[in-house]
């Protein structure tokens, strides 16, 4: 697969977040780029050919879109799942790096 076909699109994000209009495409694009940078920083890379990374990006963007306030909710289930996926990816990518040595 080519890298460009692996990348999430705004249309995919909108479908996941159940957004029908194009009014907030710029905001969603900004959030998607921020999510990519976050995953890259936390994991070491943002490999969108990995389905877990795509789901993680979708969850992060959806969470950013739905919770556009700087408050912490007692329901942290999305963050818990995201953190678990990040830890899995960090472990696997770290292992790949060490296996190449």
N, C-alpha and C. Protein backbone atom coordinates (compact mmCIF):
# COMPACT_ATOMS: atom_id res chain seq x y z
N UNK A 1 0.83 -1.19 0.00
CA UNK A 1 0.00 0.00 0.00
C UNK A 1 0.87 1.25 0.00
N UNK A 2 0.43 2.25 -0.69
CA UNK A 2 1.12 3.52 -0.67
C UNK A 2 0.76 4.26 0.61
N UNK A 3 1.69 5.06 1.09
CA UNK A 3 1.45 5.79 2.34
C UNK A 3 0.24 6.71 2.23
N UNK A 4 0.06 7.35 1.06
CA UNK A 4 -1.04 8.30 0.92
C UNK A 4 -2.41 7.63 1.07
N UNK A 5 -2.52 6.35 0.70
CA UNK A 5 -3.80 5.66 0.83
C UNK A 5 -4.04 5.21 2.27
N UNK A 6 -2.98 5.15 3.06
CA UNK A 6 -3.11 4.72 4.44
C UNK A 6 -3.58 5.84 5.36
N UNK A 7 -3.32 7.06 4.97
CA UNK A 7 -3.64 8.20 5.84
C UNK A 7 -5.14 8.39 5.98
N UNK A 8 -5.54 8.72 7.19
CA UNK A 8 -6.94 9.04 7.43
C UNK A 8 -7.32 10.31 6.69
N UNK A 9 -8.54 10.34 6.24
CA UNK A 9 -9.06 11.53 5.56
C UNK A 9 -10.05 12.24 6.47
N UNK A 10 -10.31 13.48 6.15
CA UNK A 10 -11.32 14.25 6.90
C UNK A 10 -12.68 13.57 6.77
N UNK A 11 -12.98 13.03 5.59
CA UNK A 11 -14.26 12.34 5.40
C UNK A 11 -14.40 11.14 6.34
N UNK A 12 -13.32 10.41 6.54
CA UNK A 12 -13.36 9.27 7.46
C UNK A 12 -13.58 9.75 8.90
N UNK A 13 -12.91 10.84 9.26
CA UNK A 13 -13.08 11.41 10.60
C UNK A 13 -14.53 11.86 10.79
N UNK A 14 -15.08 12.52 9.78
CA UNK A 14 -16.46 13.01 9.87
C UNK A 14 -17.45 11.85 9.99
N UNK A 15 -17.19 10.78 9.25
CA UNK A 15 -18.07 9.60 9.35
C UNK A 15 -18.00 9.01 10.76
N UNK A 16 -16.81 8.88 11.30
CA UNK A 16 -16.63 8.33 12.64
C UNK A 16 -17.32 9.20 13.70
N UNK A 17 -17.17 10.51 13.55
CA UNK A 17 -17.71 11.45 14.53
C UNK A 17 -19.17 11.83 14.24
N UNK A 18 -19.72 11.27 13.17
CA UNK A 18 -21.11 11.54 12.76
C UNK A 18 -21.35 13.03 12.51
N UNK A 19 -20.45 13.62 11.73
CA UNK A 19 -20.56 15.03 11.36
C UNK A 19 -20.99 15.08 9.90
N UNK A 20 -22.12 15.74 9.64
CA UNK A 20 -22.68 15.75 8.29
C UNK A 20 -22.25 16.94 7.44
N UNK A 21 -21.92 18.05 8.04
CA UNK A 21 -21.64 19.26 7.26
C UNK A 21 -20.13 19.39 7.02
N UNK A 22 -19.80 20.30 6.10
CA UNK A 22 -18.40 20.60 5.80
C UNK A 22 -17.93 21.85 6.54
N UNK A 23 -18.77 22.41 7.36
CA UNK A 23 -18.49 23.69 8.02
C UNK A 23 -17.24 23.67 8.90
N UNK A 24 -16.92 22.52 9.48
CA UNK A 24 -15.81 22.46 10.43
C UNK A 24 -14.64 21.63 9.93
N UNK A 25 -14.53 21.49 8.61
CA UNK A 25 -13.44 20.71 8.04
C UNK A 25 -12.07 21.23 8.43
N UNK A 26 -11.92 22.55 8.47
CA UNK A 26 -10.62 23.13 8.85
C UNK A 26 -10.26 22.79 10.29
N UNK A 27 -11.24 22.84 11.17
CA UNK A 27 -11.00 22.51 12.58
C UNK A 27 -10.66 21.02 12.71
N UNK A 28 -11.40 20.18 11.98
CA UNK A 28 -11.12 18.74 12.04
C UNK A 28 -9.74 18.42 11.48
N UNK A 29 -9.33 19.11 10.42
CA UNK A 29 -8.00 18.90 9.85
C UNK A 29 -6.93 19.29 10.87
N UNK A 30 -7.15 20.38 11.57
CA UNK A 30 -6.22 20.82 12.61
C UNK A 30 -6.15 19.78 13.74
N UNK A 31 -7.30 19.29 14.16
CA UNK A 31 -7.34 18.28 15.23
C UNK A 31 -6.68 16.98 14.79
N UNK A 32 -6.89 16.58 13.53
CA UNK A 32 -6.28 15.35 13.02
C UNK A 32 -4.76 15.49 12.99
N UNK A 33 -4.27 16.63 12.56
CA UNK A 33 -2.82 16.84 12.55
C UNK A 33 -2.27 16.85 13.97
N UNK A 34 -2.98 17.46 14.90
CA UNK A 34 -2.55 17.46 16.31
C UNK A 34 -2.54 16.04 16.86
N UNK A 35 -3.53 15.24 16.51
CA UNK A 35 -3.58 13.84 16.97
C UNK A 35 -2.41 13.05 16.39
N UNK A 36 -2.08 13.28 15.13
CA UNK A 36 -0.93 12.59 14.52
C UNK A 36 0.36 12.95 15.25
N UNK A 37 0.53 14.23 15.53
CA UNK A 37 1.74 14.67 16.24
C UNK A 37 1.78 14.10 17.65
N UNK A 38 0.63 14.03 18.30
CA UNK A 38 0.56 13.46 19.65
C UNK A 38 0.98 12.00 19.64
N UNK A 39 0.40 11.22 18.72
CA UNK A 39 0.74 9.79 18.63
C UNK A 39 2.22 9.63 18.29
N UNK A 40 2.72 10.42 17.34
CA UNK A 40 4.13 10.35 16.97
C UNK A 40 5.03 10.64 18.17
N UNK A 41 4.67 11.63 18.97
CA UNK A 41 5.46 11.98 20.15
C UNK A 41 5.40 10.88 21.21
N UNK A 42 4.22 10.34 21.44
CA UNK A 42 4.04 9.34 22.50
C UNK A 42 4.58 7.97 22.11
N UNK A 43 4.47 7.61 20.85
CA UNK A 43 4.81 6.26 20.40
C UNK A 43 6.17 6.20 19.72
N UNK A 44 6.55 7.26 19.07
CA UNK A 44 7.80 7.26 18.33
C UNK A 44 7.59 7.30 16.83
N UNK A 45 6.38 6.95 16.39
CA UNK A 45 5.99 7.08 15.00
C UNK A 45 4.47 7.01 14.92
N UNK A 46 3.94 7.44 13.80
CA UNK A 46 2.49 7.41 13.60
C UNK A 46 2.23 6.66 12.30
N UNK A 47 2.22 5.35 12.39
CA UNK A 47 2.08 4.47 11.23
C UNK A 47 0.61 4.21 10.95
N UNK A 48 0.03 4.97 10.05
CA UNK A 48 -1.40 4.86 9.77
C UNK A 48 -1.77 3.62 8.96
N UNK A 49 -0.78 2.81 8.60
CA UNK A 49 -1.12 1.52 7.99
C UNK A 49 -1.54 0.51 9.07
N UNK A 50 -1.24 0.82 10.32
CA UNK A 50 -1.66 0.01 11.46
C UNK A 50 -3.08 0.43 11.85
N UNK A 51 -4.01 -0.50 11.79
CA UNK A 51 -5.42 -0.19 12.07
C UNK A 51 -5.61 0.38 13.47
N UNK A 52 -4.80 -0.07 14.42
CA UNK A 52 -4.91 0.45 15.78
C UNK A 52 -4.57 1.93 15.82
N UNK A 53 -3.60 2.34 15.03
CA UNK A 53 -3.23 3.75 14.99
C UNK A 53 -4.39 4.55 14.40
N UNK A 54 -5.01 4.03 13.36
CA UNK A 54 -6.15 4.73 12.77
C UNK A 54 -7.29 4.88 13.78
N UNK A 55 -7.60 3.80 14.48
CA UNK A 55 -8.67 3.86 15.49
C UNK A 55 -8.28 4.83 16.60
N UNK A 56 -7.03 4.81 17.00
CA UNK A 56 -6.55 5.73 18.03
C UNK A 56 -6.69 7.17 17.57
N UNK A 57 -6.30 7.46 16.34
CA UNK A 57 -6.44 8.81 15.80
C UNK A 57 -7.90 9.24 15.76
N UNK A 58 -8.76 8.34 15.30
CA UNK A 58 -10.19 8.65 15.25
C UNK A 58 -10.74 8.95 16.64
N UNK A 59 -10.34 8.14 17.61
CA UNK A 59 -10.82 8.34 18.99
C UNK A 59 -10.31 9.66 19.56
N UNK A 60 -9.05 9.99 19.29
CA UNK A 60 -8.48 11.23 19.80
C UNK A 60 -9.18 12.43 19.18
N UNK A 61 -9.35 12.42 17.85
CA UNK A 61 -10.00 13.54 17.18
C UNK A 61 -11.44 13.68 17.63
N UNK A 62 -12.15 12.57 17.72
CA UNK A 62 -13.54 12.61 18.16
C UNK A 62 -13.64 13.16 19.57
N UNK A 63 -12.73 12.73 20.43
CA UNK A 63 -12.72 13.22 21.81
C UNK A 63 -12.41 14.72 21.84
N UNK A 64 -11.45 15.16 21.03
CA UNK A 64 -11.13 16.59 20.96
C UNK A 64 -12.34 17.39 20.48
N UNK A 65 -13.02 16.86 19.48
CA UNK A 65 -14.16 17.56 18.90
C UNK A 65 -15.33 17.63 19.89
N UNK A 66 -15.61 16.50 20.54
CA UNK A 66 -16.74 16.44 21.47
C UNK A 66 -16.49 17.20 22.77
N UNK A 67 -15.25 17.31 23.16
CA UNK A 67 -14.90 17.92 24.45
C UNK A 67 -13.99 19.11 24.22
N UNK A 68 -14.53 20.14 23.63
CA UNK A 68 -13.72 21.32 23.31
C UNK A 68 -13.62 22.27 24.49
N UNK A 69 -13.48 21.69 25.66
CA UNK A 69 -13.27 22.47 26.87
C UNK A 69 -12.10 21.85 27.62
N UNK A 70 -11.45 22.63 28.46
CA UNK A 70 -10.32 22.12 29.24
C UNK A 70 -10.78 21.70 30.62
N UNK A 71 -11.65 20.71 30.65
CA UNK A 71 -12.15 20.18 31.92
C UNK A 71 -11.97 18.67 31.92
N UNK A 72 -11.79 18.12 33.09
CA UNK A 72 -11.63 16.68 33.23
C UNK A 72 -12.94 16.08 33.71
N UNK A 73 -13.39 15.09 33.00
CA UNK A 73 -14.63 14.40 33.33
C UNK A 73 -14.28 13.15 34.13
N UNK A 74 -15.18 12.71 34.97
CA UNK A 74 -14.95 11.50 35.75
C UNK A 74 -14.94 10.26 34.86
N UNK A 75 -15.59 10.32 33.71
CA UNK A 75 -15.62 9.19 32.78
C UNK A 75 -14.39 9.27 31.89
N UNK A 76 -13.38 8.52 32.22
CA UNK A 76 -12.11 8.57 31.51
C UNK A 76 -11.91 7.35 30.59
N UNK A 77 -12.99 6.67 30.17
CA UNK A 77 -12.84 5.42 29.42
C UNK A 77 -12.15 5.62 28.08
N UNK A 78 -12.43 6.71 27.37
CA UNK A 78 -11.77 6.94 26.08
C UNK A 78 -10.28 7.16 26.30
N UNK A 79 -9.93 7.96 27.30
CA UNK A 79 -8.52 8.19 27.57
C UNK A 79 -7.83 6.89 28.00
N UNK A 80 -8.51 6.05 28.77
CA UNK A 80 -7.92 4.79 29.20
C UNK A 80 -7.61 3.90 28.00
N UNK A 81 -8.57 3.76 27.09
CA UNK A 81 -8.36 2.94 25.90
C UNK A 81 -7.24 3.52 25.06
N UNK A 82 -7.24 4.83 24.88
CA UNK A 82 -6.19 5.48 24.10
C UNK A 82 -4.82 5.25 24.75
N UNK A 83 -4.74 5.40 26.05
CA UNK A 83 -3.46 5.19 26.74
C UNK A 83 -2.98 3.75 26.61
N UNK A 84 -3.90 2.80 26.67
CA UNK A 84 -3.52 1.40 26.51
C UNK A 84 -3.00 1.12 25.11
N UNK A 85 -3.66 1.69 24.10
CA UNK A 85 -3.21 1.51 22.73
C UNK A 85 -1.84 2.15 22.52
N UNK A 86 -1.62 3.32 23.10
CA UNK A 86 -0.32 3.99 22.99
C UNK A 86 0.76 3.13 23.63
N UNK A 87 0.51 2.58 24.81
CA UNK A 87 1.51 1.74 25.47
C UNK A 87 1.82 0.51 24.63
N UNK A 88 0.80 -0.11 24.03
CA UNK A 88 1.03 -1.27 23.16
C UNK A 88 1.92 -0.90 21.99
N UNK A 89 1.60 0.19 21.34
CA UNK A 89 2.36 0.62 20.17
C UNK A 89 3.79 0.99 20.57
N UNK A 90 3.96 1.68 21.70
CA UNK A 90 5.30 2.03 22.16
C UNK A 90 6.14 0.78 22.36
N UNK A 91 5.55 -0.23 22.99
CA UNK A 91 6.26 -1.47 23.27
C UNK A 91 6.67 -2.15 21.96
N UNK A 92 5.72 -2.25 21.02
CA UNK A 92 6.01 -2.93 19.76
C UNK A 92 7.04 -2.18 18.94
N UNK A 93 6.93 -0.86 18.84
CA UNK A 93 7.87 -0.08 18.04
C UNK A 93 9.25 -0.08 18.69
N UNK A 94 9.28 -0.03 20.01
CA UNK A 94 10.55 -0.09 20.72
C UNK A 94 11.21 -1.44 20.48
N UNK A 95 10.43 -2.50 20.48
CA UNK A 95 10.94 -3.84 20.24
C UNK A 95 11.49 -3.95 18.82
N UNK A 96 10.77 -3.37 17.85
CA UNK A 96 11.24 -3.38 16.46
C UNK A 96 12.59 -2.68 16.36
N UNK A 97 12.73 -1.57 17.04
CA UNK A 97 13.99 -0.80 17.00
C UNK A 97 15.13 -1.62 17.57
N UNK A 98 14.88 -2.30 18.68
CA UNK A 98 15.93 -3.09 19.31
C UNK A 98 16.22 -4.37 18.53
N UNK A 99 15.22 -4.92 17.86
CA UNK A 99 15.43 -6.12 17.06
C UNK A 99 16.29 -5.84 15.83
N UNK A 100 16.27 -4.59 15.37
CA UNK A 100 17.06 -4.22 14.19
C UNK A 100 18.55 -4.05 14.53
N UNK A 101 18.89 -3.93 15.80
CA UNK A 101 20.27 -3.67 16.20
C UNK A 101 21.15 -4.90 16.01
